[in-house]
Amino acid sequence: MAATSNLVLDDYEKTFRNVIDNELTSTAETRRAVDPSTGQPLAEVPVSTQADVDRAVAAAQAAFVGWRERSTDDRAGYLLQFADAIEANQAGLGPLLGKETGKPLQGQAIELFHLGSLIRQMVPLRLEEERKVVRRYLPLGVGVGIVAWNFPMGLAVVKLAAALLVGNTFILKPSPYSPYTALKLGEIGARIFPPGVFQVLSGGEDLGPMFTSHPGVAKISFTGSVATGKKVMAACGAHLKRVTLELGGNDAAIICPDVDLATTVPKIAFLSYVNSGQICLAVKRVYVHESIYDAFLAAFVEAVKTFKVGPATDAEAALGPVQNSMQYGKLQALYGEVAQQGLKVAYKADLPPALDGKGGFYLPSTVVDNPPEDSRLVAEEQFGPIVPLLKWSDEEDVIRRANATLMGLGGSVWSADTARAERMTRQLEAGTVWVNSHFEITPNVAFGGFKESGVGVEQGLDGLKGGAITNFSLRSNNAANIMRLSQEDVGVCSEP
């Protein structure tokens, strides 16, 4: 392992290269992502080719032979040193994260703060073996993580920590919109892990298919849109490649009439607008009981008014710009539909003159009052700083409306009557449900989605199992006993 003094990078401004077999490599072609706060191009990053993918997969396959033979404790030691190194590099990673995502200083701090704990809470997990029929969890081989642009480091760390802890090697493909911090994580990792164990390749939209079709890749873990997730799954299916998909969400929060507005409203407002709404598990639909609707709406608007909008350098800003021009265009169309359809806007912020029309992808925080259930704002995931509040009166009806979506990532019920809230959450068609909370996830608890929100889970023991293949060993002295084992014991040890 590398000495602690060698863990801090000295260049966070100009040079961004792929990490292949612990070597920093350039490519003949480069591209530039855009700073969403200003609309200006950022530094050049590699555009990887099929030859780069082949080199990285070959290096990962070679490294896998030795990495899988290490003990889990040994692999955990590398991951803990990696967590230390990330924290030692926070001074450089923070501003870089702000430039590529537009997150203000508060948003930068949130993502950076959680990176170390994501690893440290995961490494104590162990895939234990059962003894009566011995069940072993064997690493698959080369894993590839394809991550979205909203949390370029957080999503990467979740995938790489699980893959490496189990004994796989791992290649990270960041989003073309936010490749910079991921490439720097690769540089840090190259100073810690053995060659080929953790690699990072930057590229364009054609880079993902190079991995999904590669015969040397055993597992793809993808976080992104439903539409792209379907393409990933189809490509992996052609090669019977294992896949985990963490896709979009249109999470509903159901507010019962007995909540305390003073404590509940600020939480719901924050959980709806955090990271400018660009979180798959953010609250996207707020169903409020009609008896408290007007009071809740008024308090909600007042809470949203306190969310200052600003660039990545603004220490007081709670919300930054939308991360990229593609998402900005989609949201502009959605905002336009709200106006065209004459939906009632309860609040629409005025962008500060210093930001309005200055080239950044800024949009006003907006609250829409009780739009129709079939409007795009309700039926689809908006993924931006615009949130609908909707009235409900009948419990059965609001559950039906909350479930009337092709997505099912998360959901919550808020009530002083926890028994009632728990009864209602059990009826929500979502992978994770909360009572009087939302978006609380930890590395030692798995999360995943129903319906089109995903396939498989990440984090926790079940997430680790997704990176392993189950091997059963039957030991017996005679054929009769083998038959007994297969009937009585194997049947209760089904593959997870």
Protein backbone atom coordinates (compact mmCIF):
# COMPACT_ATOMS: atom_id res chain seq x y z
CA MET A 1 0.00 0.00 0.00
CA ALA A 2 1.10 3.56 -0.64
CA ALA A 3 2.60 5.74 2.05
CA THR A 4 0.18 8.28 3.53
CA SER A 5 2.34 11.19 2.35
CA ASN A 6 1.84 10.04 -1.25
CA LEU A 7 -1.96 10.18 -1.23
CA VAL A 8 -2.63 13.86 -1.97
CA LEU A 9 -2.80 14.80 -5.65
CA ASP A 10 -1.06 17.97 -6.81
CA ASP A 11 -3.09 18.78 -9.94
CA TYR A 12 -6.83 19.33 -9.83
CA GLU A 13 -7.03 21.99 -12.52
CA LYS A 14 -5.50 21.00 -15.86
CA THR A 15 -4.65 17.33 -16.36
CA PHE A 16 -7.30 14.60 -16.52
CA ARG A 17 -6.33 11.18 -17.80
CA ASN A 18 -7.69 7.64 -17.81
CA VAL A 19 -6.36 5.19 -15.25
CA ILE A 20 -5.51 1.85 -16.85
CA ASP A 21 -3.45 -0.68 -14.91
CA ASN A 22 -2.44 2.12 -12.50
CA GLU A 23 -0.98 4.16 -15.37
CA LEU A 24 -2.32 7.61 -16.30
CA THR A 25 -3.04 7.41 -20.02
CA SER A 26 -4.11 9.94 -22.62
CA THR A 27 -6.13 9.44 -25.79
CA ALA A 28 -5.76 10.86 -29.28
CA GLU A 29 -9.18 12.50 -29.05
CA THR A 30 -10.35 14.64 -26.14
CA ARG A 31 -13.55 16.47 -25.20
CA ARG A 32 -14.66 19.12 -22.72
CA ALA A 33 -17.63 19.04 -20.37
CA VAL A 34 -19.40 22.26 -19.40
CA ASP A 35 -19.52 24.18 -16.13
CA PRO A 36 -23.29 24.38 -15.46
CA SER A 37 -22.84 27.54 -13.38
CA THR A 38 -21.39 29.50 -16.30
CA GLY A 39 -21.95 27.46 -19.46
CA GLN A 40 -18.21 27.65 -20.12
CA PRO A 41 -16.14 24.61 -21.20
CA LEU A 42 -14.01 22.85 -18.63
CA ALA A 43 -10.67 21.06 -19.08
CA GLU A 44 -10.05 18.39 -21.70
CA VAL A 45 -10.78 14.76 -20.77
CA PRO A 46 -10.06 11.54 -22.68
CA VAL A 47 -12.39 10.01 -25.24
CA SER A 48 -11.71 6.31 -24.82
CA THR A 49 -11.74 3.86 -27.74
CA GLN A 50 -12.41 0.14 -28.00
CA ALA A 51 -8.66 -0.41 -27.68
CA ASP A 52 -8.67 1.42 -24.33
CA VAL A 53 -11.59 -0.70 -23.12
CA ASP A 54 -9.82 -3.90 -24.21
CA ARG A 55 -6.65 -2.87 -22.35
CA ALA A 56 -8.57 -2.02 -19.18
CA VAL A 57 -10.58 -5.26 -19.21
CA ALA A 58 -7.45 -7.31 -19.84
CA ALA A 59 -5.70 -5.59 -16.93
CA ALA A 60 -8.72 -6.17 -14.69
CA GLN A 61 -8.88 -9.84 -15.64
CA ALA A 62 -5.19 -10.27 -14.87
CA ALA A 63 -5.53 -8.46 -11.54
CA PHE A 64 -8.62 -10.48 -10.60
CA VAL A 65 -6.56 -13.67 -10.24
CA GLY A 66 -4.59 -12.23 -7.33
CA TRP A 67 -7.24 -9.90 -5.90
CA ARG A 68 -9.82 -12.64 -5.37
CA GLU A 69 -7.26 -14.72 -3.43
CA ARG A 70 -6.71 -12.00 -0.86
CA SER A 71 -8.70 -12.25 2.34
CA THR A 72 -11.73 -10.03 2.77
CA ASP A 73 -9.95 -8.29 5.64
CA ASP A 74 -7.01 -7.56 3.35
CA ARG A 75 -9.28 -6.10 0.67
CA ALA A 76 -11.08 -4.10 3.35
CA GLY A 77 -7.74 -2.62 4.38
CA TYR A 78 -7.18 -1.25 0.90
CA LEU A 79 -10.67 0.25 0.86
CA LEU A 80 -10.14 1.92 4.24
CA GLN A 81 -6.91 3.46 2.98
CA PHE A 82 -8.82 4.64 -0.09
CA ALA A 83 -11.40 6.29 2.20
CA ASP A 84 -8.58 8.04 4.07
CA ALA A 85 -7.11 9.21 0.78
CA ILE A 86 -10.42 10.63 -0.45
CA GLU A 87 -10.69 12.66 2.74
CA ALA A 88 -7.09 13.83 2.40
CA ASN A 89 -7.99 15.16 -1.07
CA GLN A 90 -11.22 16.96 -0.12
CA ALA A 91 -9.67 20.39 -0.64
CA GLY A 92 -9.13 19.59 -4.31
CA LEU A 93 -12.18 17.39 -4.93
CA GLY A 94 -14.69 19.91 -3.55
CA PRO A 95 -14.09 22.80 -5.99
CA LEU A 96 -13.77 20.33 -8.87
CA LEU A 97 -17.13 18.78 -7.95
CA GLY A 98 -18.63 22.26 -7.92
CA LYS A 99 -17.31 23.02 -11.39
CA GLU A 100 -18.58 19.82 -13.01
CA THR A 101 -21.98 19.58 -11.27
CA GLY A 102 -22.78 23.17 -10.28
CA LYS A 103 -23.31 22.16 -6.67
CA PRO A 104 -22.89 25.07 -4.25
CA LEU A 105 -20.51 24.66 -1.34
CA GLN A 106 -23.23 23.11 0.82
CA GLY A 107 -23.94 20.48 -1.82
CA GLN A 108 -20.25 19.77 -2.28
CA ALA A 109 -19.84 19.25 1.44
CA ILE A 110 -22.78 16.81 1.60
CA GLU A 111 -21.39 14.52 -1.09
CA LEU A 112 -17.80 14.68 0.19
CA PHE A 113 -18.87 14.11 3.80
CA HIS A 114 -20.60 10.85 2.94
CA LEU A 115 -17.87 9.29 0.78
CA GLY A 116 -15.74 8.02 3.64
CA SER A 117 -18.68 6.70 5.64
CA LEU A 118 -20.03 4.88 2.57
CA ILE A 119 -16.86 2.83 2.56
CA ARG A 120 -16.33 2.51 6.31
CA GLN A 121 -19.87 1.27 6.94
CA MET A 122 -19.64 -1.26 4.13
CA VAL A 123 -16.28 -2.89 4.84
CA PRO A 124 -17.39 -4.66 8.07
CA LEU A 125 -19.99 -6.62 6.07
CA ARG A 126 -19.07 -10.23 5.38
CA LEU A 127 -20.64 -12.90 3.20
CA GLU A 128 -20.59 -15.81 5.63
CA GLU A 129 -20.78 -19.44 4.54
CA GLU A 130 -23.32 -21.95 5.84
CA ARG A 131 -22.04 -25.29 7.07
CA LYS A 132 -24.68 -27.98 6.59
CA VAL A 133 -24.59 -27.48 2.87
CA VAL A 134 -21.54 -25.30 2.32
CA ARG A 135 -22.49 -22.16 0.40
CA ARG A 136 -19.65 -20.06 -0.95
CA TYR A 137 -19.88 -16.64 -2.52
CA LEU A 138 -17.30 -16.43 -5.28
CA PRO A 139 -16.42 -13.15 -7.01
CA LEU A 140 -17.59 -12.84 -10.59
CA GLY A 141 -14.53 -11.26 -12.20
CA VAL A 142 -14.44 -7.85 -13.89
CA GLY A 143 -17.18 -5.46 -12.81
CA VAL A 144 -18.01 -2.19 -14.56
CA GLY A 145 -19.80 0.72 -12.92
CA ILE A 146 -21.61 3.18 -15.20
CA VAL A 147 -22.72 6.17 -13.13
CA ALA A 148 -24.91 9.23 -13.58
CA TRP A 149 -23.89 12.86 -13.42
CA ASN A 150 -25.74 13.98 -10.27
CA PHE A 151 -23.42 12.29 -7.72
CA PRO A 152 -20.29 11.39 -9.69
CA MET A 153 -18.26 10.37 -6.64
CA GLY A 154 -20.95 9.02 -4.32
CA LEU A 155 -22.41 6.65 -6.91
CA ALA A 156 -18.93 5.52 -7.91
CA VAL A 157 -17.84 4.77 -4.35
CA VAL A 158 -20.95 2.67 -3.61
CA LYS A 159 -20.25 0.46 -6.62
CA LEU A 160 -16.48 0.17 -6.34
CA ALA A 161 -16.47 -0.55 -2.60
CA ALA A 162 -18.93 -3.43 -2.94
CA ALA A 163 -17.18 -4.87 -6.00
CA LEU A 164 -13.69 -4.74 -4.52
CA LEU A 165 -14.69 -5.97 -1.06
CA VAL A 166 -16.19 -9.16 -2.53
CA GLY A 167 -13.06 -9.79 -4.63
CA ASN A 168 -13.95 -8.44 -8.07
CA THR A 169 -11.87 -5.95 -9.99
CA PHE A 170 -13.63 -2.77 -11.06
CA ILE A 171 -13.69 -0.31 -13.96
CA LEU A 172 -15.52 2.99 -13.54
CA LYS A 173 -17.15 4.78 -16.49
CA PRO A 174 -18.28 8.25 -15.38
CA SER A 175 -20.92 10.29 -17.15
CA PRO A 176 -19.62 12.43 -20.03
CA TYR A 177 -21.21 15.37 -18.22
CA SER A 178 -19.19 14.94 -14.99
CA PRO A 179 -15.96 12.97 -15.57
CA TYR A 180 -13.51 15.10 -13.62
CA THR A 181 -13.79 13.96 -10.00
CA ALA A 182 -14.08 10.32 -11.14
CA LEU A 183 -10.79 10.56 -13.02
CA LYS A 184 -9.17 12.03 -9.91
CA LEU A 185 -10.57 9.17 -7.80
CA GLY A 186 -8.80 6.90 -10.27
CA GLU A 187 -5.52 8.74 -9.73
CA ILE A 188 -5.91 8.38 -5.97
CA GLY A 189 -6.76 4.69 -6.33
CA ALA A 190 -3.70 4.10 -8.51
CA ARG A 191 -1.56 5.07 -5.53
CA ILE A 192 -3.27 2.52 -3.29
CA PHE A 193 -4.65 -0.54 -5.08
CA PRO A 194 -2.60 -3.14 -7.00
CA PRO A 195 -2.43 -2.51 -10.77
CA GLY A 196 -5.62 -3.38 -12.63
CA VAL A 197 -7.83 -3.59 -9.54
CA PHE A 198 -9.50 -0.15 -9.93
CA GLN A 199 -9.46 1.70 -13.25
CA VAL A 200 -11.31 4.70 -14.71
CA LEU A 201 -12.10 5.39 -18.36
CA SER A 202 -13.64 8.61 -19.66
CA GLY A 203 -15.42 8.87 -22.98
CA GLY A 204 -18.53 9.70 -24.92
CA GLU A 205 -21.94 8.06 -25.23
CA ASP A 206 -20.44 5.16 -27.20
CA LEU A 207 -18.19 4.04 -24.35
CA GLY A 208 -20.91 2.26 -22.32
CA PRO A 209 -21.84 -0.15 -25.14
CA MET A 210 -18.17 -1.10 -25.47
CA PHE A 211 -18.34 -2.45 -21.91
CA THR A 212 -21.80 -4.02 -22.08
CA SER A 213 -20.78 -6.00 -25.17
CA HIS A 214 -17.29 -6.93 -23.97
CA PRO A 215 -16.89 -10.69 -23.35
CA GLY A 216 -14.38 -10.08 -20.56
CA VAL A 217 -16.84 -8.11 -18.39
CA ALA A 218 -18.82 -10.24 -15.92
CA LYS A 219 -21.10 -7.62 -14.33
CA ILE A 220 -22.50 -4.18 -15.16
CA SER A 221 -23.84 -1.93 -12.40
CA PHE A 222 -25.64 1.02 -13.94
CA THR A 223 -27.22 4.13 -12.42
CA GLY A 224 -29.12 6.42 -14.75
CA SER A 225 -32.33 6.89 -16.68
CA VAL A 226 -34.96 4.25 -17.31
CA ALA A 227 -34.55 4.56 -21.08
CA THR A 228 -30.80 3.96 -20.96
CA GLY A 229 -31.21 1.24 -18.33
CA LYS A 230 -33.41 -0.73 -20.72
CA LYS A 231 -30.69 -0.52 -23.37
CA VAL A 232 -28.07 -1.67 -20.86
CA MET A 233 -30.19 -4.64 -19.82
CA ALA A 234 -30.85 -5.65 -23.43
CA ALA A 235 -27.15 -5.48 -24.26
CA CYS A 236 -26.21 -7.50 -21.17
CA GLY A 237 -28.91 -10.04 -21.92
CA ALA A 238 -27.35 -10.80 -25.28
CA HIS A 239 -24.25 -12.02 -23.43
CA LEU A 240 -25.98 -13.31 -20.26
CA LYS A 241 -24.00 -10.70 -18.37
CA ARG A 242 -25.12 -10.02 -14.80
CA VAL A 243 -26.59 -6.59 -14.28
CA THR A 244 -27.82 -4.27 -11.53
CA LEU A 245 -29.90 -1.28 -12.56
CA GLU A 246 -30.66 1.67 -10.28
CA LEU A 247 -32.94 3.86 -12.36
CA GLY A 248 -35.36 6.75 -11.95
CA GLY A 249 -37.95 7.41 -9.31
CA ASN A 250 -41.14 9.41 -8.97
CA ASP A 251 -41.34 9.19 -5.19
CA ALA A 252 -44.56 10.13 -3.43
CA ALA A 253 -44.74 11.54 0.09
CA ILE A 254 -48.20 11.19 1.67
CA ILE A 255 -48.96 13.76 4.39
CA CYS A 256 -51.67 12.77 6.87
CA PRO A 257 -53.88 15.37 8.62
CA ASP A 258 -52.31 14.90 12.06
CA VAL A 259 -48.74 15.98 11.23
CA ASP A 260 -47.02 18.86 12.97
CA LEU A 261 -46.59 21.42 10.20
CA ALA A 262 -43.76 23.28 11.90
CA THR A 263 -41.49 20.23 11.86
CA THR A 264 -42.80 18.36 8.82
CA VAL A 265 -42.96 21.08 6.16
CA PRO A 266 -39.26 22.11 6.27
CA LYS A 267 -38.22 18.45 5.97
CA ILE A 268 -40.48 17.78 3.00
CA ALA A 269 -39.34 20.99 1.29
CA PHE A 270 -35.68 20.10 1.72
CA LEU A 271 -36.22 16.52 0.54
CA SER A 272 -38.02 17.82 -2.55
CA TYR A 273 -35.45 20.42 -3.64
CA VAL A 274 -32.10 19.09 -2.36
CA ASN A 275 -29.49 19.11 -5.15
CA SER A 276 -32.02 21.14 -7.17
CA GLY A 277 -34.28 18.07 -7.25
CA GLN A 278 -31.66 16.04 -9.12
CA ILE A 279 -31.83 12.92 -6.93
CA CYS A 280 -33.63 9.73 -7.89
CA LEU A 281 -34.89 9.31 -4.28
CA ALA A 282 -35.98 12.91 -3.80
CA VAL A 283 -39.65 13.60 -3.10
CA LYS A 284 -41.24 14.26 -6.49
CA ARG A 285 -44.98 14.27 -5.55
CA VAL A 286 -46.37 15.64 -2.27
CA TYR A 287 -49.88 14.35 -1.44
CA VAL A 288 -51.38 16.47 1.37
CA HIS A 289 -54.68 15.73 3.15
CA GLU A 290 -57.29 18.26 2.14
CA SER A 291 -58.00 19.32 5.74
CA ILE A 292 -54.51 20.80 6.10
CA TYR A 293 -53.71 21.43 2.43
CA ASP A 294 -53.96 25.22 2.41
CA ALA A 295 -51.88 25.63 5.57
CA PHE A 296 -49.30 23.11 4.35
CA LEU A 297 -49.04 24.81 0.95
CA ALA A 298 -48.51 28.24 2.50
CA ALA A 299 -45.81 26.92 4.85
CA PHE A 300 -44.20 24.94 2.04
CA VAL A 301 -43.91 28.03 -0.14
CA GLU A 302 -42.34 29.97 2.73
CA ALA A 303 -39.78 27.19 3.22
CA VAL A 304 -38.89 27.11 -0.50
CA LYS A 305 -38.41 30.89 -0.48
CA THR A 306 -35.49 30.42 1.93
CA PHE A 307 -33.55 28.26 -0.57
CA LYS A 308 -31.04 30.64 -2.08
CA VAL A 309 -29.92 29.88 -5.64
CA GLY A 310 -26.29 30.43 -6.50
CA PRO A 311 -23.16 29.16 -8.23
CA ALA A 312 -20.75 26.54 -6.94
CA THR A 313 -18.67 29.17 -5.14
CA ASP A 314 -21.56 30.62 -3.09
CA ALA A 315 -21.31 29.48 0.55
CA GLU A 316 -24.89 30.62 1.29
CA ALA A 317 -26.56 28.97 -1.71
CA ALA A 318 -28.72 25.89 -1.11
CA LEU A 319 -29.53 25.24 -4.77
CA GLY A 320 -27.29 25.38 -7.82
CA PRO A 321 -27.96 25.16 -11.53
CA VAL A 322 -29.27 22.11 -13.36
CA GLN A 323 -26.20 20.03 -14.20
CA ASN A 324 -26.27 19.93 -18.00
CA SER A 325 -27.87 21.39 -21.12
CA MET A 326 -29.82 18.22 -21.91
CA GLN A 327 -31.63 18.22 -18.56
CA TYR A 328 -31.99 21.99 -18.72
CA GLY A 329 -33.79 21.67 -22.05
CA LYS A 330 -36.13 18.97 -20.74
CA LEU A 331 -37.05 21.10 -17.74
CA GLN A 332 -37.56 24.22 -19.84
CA ALA A 333 -40.10 22.23 -21.86
CA LEU A 334 -41.79 21.05 -18.65
CA TYR A 335 -41.95 24.59 -17.26
CA GLY A 336 -43.43 25.67 -20.59
CA GLU A 337 -46.15 23.00 -20.37
CA VAL A 338 -47.10 24.21 -16.89
CA ALA A 339 -47.72 27.65 -18.36
CA GLN A 340 -49.45 26.36 -21.51
CA GLN A 341 -51.82 24.15 -19.53
CA GLY A 342 -52.68 26.96 -17.16
CA LEU A 343 -51.66 25.04 -14.06
CA LYS A 344 -51.81 27.04 -10.85
CA VAL A 345 -48.34 28.13 -9.76
CA ALA A 346 -48.25 28.83 -6.04
CA TYR A 347 -44.69 30.13 -6.14
CA LYS A 348 -42.01 30.78 -8.72
CA ALA A 349 -38.74 32.29 -7.56
CA ASP A 350 -37.08 35.22 -9.27
CA LEU A 351 -33.58 34.33 -10.32
CA PRO A 352 -30.96 36.79 -9.05
CA PRO A 353 -30.02 39.29 -11.79
CA ALA A 354 -26.41 38.13 -11.51
CA LEU A 355 -27.46 34.64 -12.66
CA ASP A 356 -30.40 35.19 -15.00
CA GLY A 357 -29.32 34.92 -18.63
CA LYS A 358 -25.62 34.62 -17.78
CA GLY A 359 -24.97 31.29 -19.47
CA GLY A 360 -25.56 28.96 -16.51
CA PHE A 361 -28.33 26.36 -16.38
CA TYR A 362 -30.36 28.04 -13.65
CA LEU A 363 -34.10 27.48 -13.20
CA PRO A 364 -36.44 29.08 -10.67
CA SER A 365 -37.65 27.05 -7.70
CA THR A 366 -41.32 26.46 -8.42
CA VAL A 367 -44.31 25.07 -6.48
CA VAL A 368 -47.39 23.96 -8.46
CA ASP A 369 -50.76 23.90 -6.66
CA ASN A 370 -52.82 20.71 -7.11
CA PRO A 371 -52.21 19.93 -10.82
CA PRO A 372 -54.15 17.14 -12.56
CA GLU A 373 -52.93 13.61 -11.92
CA ASP A 374 -52.34 13.05 -15.65
CA SER A 375 -50.15 16.14 -16.13
CA ARG A 376 -46.51 15.42 -17.02
CA LEU A 377 -45.39 17.15 -13.86
CA VAL A 378 -47.13 14.44 -11.81
CA ALA A 379 -46.96 11.43 -14.12
CA GLU A 380 -43.24 11.73 -14.94
CA GLU A 381 -40.08 12.27 -12.93
CA GLN A 382 -39.22 15.96 -13.26
CA PHE A 383 -35.66 15.77 -11.83
CA GLY A 384 -35.49 19.50 -11.23
CA PRO A 385 -36.52 22.30 -8.84
CA ILE A 386 -40.25 22.14 -9.58
CA VAL A 387 -42.61 20.21 -7.29
CA PRO A 388 -46.38 19.53 -7.35
CA LEU A 389 -48.53 19.49 -4.21
CA LEU A 390 -51.73 17.47 -4.53
CA LYS A 391 -54.84 17.09 -2.36
CA TRP A 392 -56.22 13.81 -1.03
CA SER A 393 -59.13 12.84 1.18
CA ASP A 394 -59.53 9.05 0.97
CA GLU A 395 -56.74 6.75 2.12
CA GLU A 396 -57.44 4.03 -0.43
CA ASP A 397 -57.54 6.59 -3.23
CA VAL A 398 -54.26 8.27 -2.34
CA ILE A 399 -52.47 4.91 -2.17
CA ARG A 400 -53.84 4.11 -5.63
CA ARG A 401 -52.63 7.47 -6.97
CA ALA A 402 -49.21 7.12 -5.37
CA ASN A 403 -48.82 3.70 -7.02
CA ALA A 404 -50.12 4.84 -10.42
CA THR A 405 -46.66 5.14 -11.95
CA LEU A 406 -44.29 2.90 -13.87
CA MET A 407 -41.64 3.74 -11.27
CA GLY A 408 -41.31 2.48 -7.74
CA LEU A 409 -38.07 3.55 -6.10
CA GLY A 410 -39.10 5.13 -2.78
CA GLY A 411 -42.10 6.47 -0.92
CA SER A 412 -43.07 7.78 2.50
CA VAL A 413 -46.03 8.40 4.80
CA TRP A 414 -45.98 11.17 7.40
CA SER A 415 -48.28 10.91 10.41
CA ALA A 416 -48.31 11.21 14.20
CA ASP A 417 -50.08 7.83 14.17
CA THR A 418 -47.17 5.55 13.32
CA ALA A 419 -49.36 2.45 13.20
CA ARG A 420 -51.48 4.09 10.51
CA ALA A 421 -48.39 5.27 8.64
CA GLU A 422 -46.83 1.81 8.71
CA ARG A 423 -50.07 0.28 7.42
CA MET A 424 -50.07 2.72 4.53
CA THR A 425 -46.39 2.25 3.67
CA ARG A 426 -46.94 -1.50 3.36
CA GLN A 427 -49.28 -0.74 0.47
CA LEU A 428 -46.83 1.47 -1.43
CA GLU A 429 -45.25 -0.19 -4.46
CA ALA A 430 -41.68 0.98 -3.87
CA GLY A 431 -38.36 -0.59 -3.08
CA THR A 432 -37.82 1.51 0.05
CA VAL A 433 -40.54 3.10 2.17
CA TRP A 434 -40.19 5.36 5.18
CA VAL A 435 -42.37 6.56 8.05
CA ASN A 436 -41.91 10.26 8.88
CA SER A 437 -38.72 10.32 6.84
CA HIS A 438 -37.50 10.00 3.27
CA PHE A 439 -34.20 9.40 1.45
CA GLU A 440 -32.52 7.87 4.50
CA ILE A 441 -30.18 5.23 3.14
CA THR A 442 -27.07 3.70 4.70
CA PRO A 443 -24.32 1.49 3.24
CA ASN A 444 -25.30 -1.50 5.40
CA VAL A 445 -28.94 -1.55 4.21
CA ALA A 446 -29.83 -2.56 0.67
CA PHE A 447 -31.97 -0.40 -1.60
CA GLY A 448 -33.47 -0.97 -5.03
CA GLY A 449 -36.64 -0.37 -6.96
CA PHE A 450 -39.93 -1.89 -8.05
CA LYS A 451 -41.19 -1.86 -11.64
CA GLU A 452 -39.11 0.34 -13.97
CA SER A 453 -37.05 1.82 -11.14
CA GLY A 454 -34.50 -0.95 -11.37
CA VAL A 455 -33.31 -4.52 -11.18
CA GLY A 456 -31.40 -5.86 -8.18
CA VAL A 457 -30.18 -3.90 -5.18
CA GLU A 458 -27.13 -1.99 -4.05
CA GLN A 459 -25.53 -1.70 -0.60
CA GLY A 460 -25.95 -4.00 2.37
CA LEU A 461 -25.36 -7.76 2.32
CA ASP A 462 -27.78 -8.23 -0.56
CA GLY A 463 -25.81 -5.68 -2.56
CA LEU A 464 -22.60 -7.61 -1.92
CA LYS A 465 -24.29 -10.81 -3.08
CA GLY A 466 -25.03 -9.12 -6.39
CA GLY A 467 -21.30 -9.11 -7.10
CA ALA A 468 -20.83 -12.81 -6.37
CA ILE A 469 -21.90 -16.16 -7.72
CA THR A 470 -23.25 -18.73 -5.27
CA ASN A 471 -21.43 -22.06 -5.15
CA PHE A 472 -22.86 -25.04 -3.25
CA SER A 473 -20.67 -27.89 -2.05
CA LEU A 474 -22.35 -31.18 -1.05
CA ARG A 475 -20.20 -33.53 1.01
CA SER A 476 -21.30 -37.08 1.82
CA ASN A 477 -19.89 -40.61 2.15
CA ASN A 478 -22.55 -42.51 0.22
CA ALA A 479 -25.08 -42.08 -2.54
CA ALA A 480 -28.09 -42.45 -0.25
CA ASN A 481 -26.88 -39.58 1.91
CA ILE A 482 -26.26 -37.45 -1.18
CA MET A 483 -29.91 -37.96 -2.14
CA ARG A 484 -31.03 -36.98 1.35
CA LEU A 485 -28.92 -33.83 1.27
CA SER A 486 -30.21 -32.75 -2.11
CA GLN A 487 -33.83 -33.16 -1.06
CA GLU A 488 -33.77 -31.90 2.50
CA ASP A 489 -30.99 -29.36 2.62
CA VAL A 490 -30.35 -27.87 -0.80
CA GLY A 491 -33.99 -27.01 -1.19
CA VAL A 492 -33.84 -24.56 1.70
CA CYS A 493 -30.61 -22.93 0.58
CA SER A 494 -31.83 -21.31 -2.60
CA GLU A 495 -29.61 -18.92 -4.46
CA PRO A 496 -30.16 -15.30 -3.36
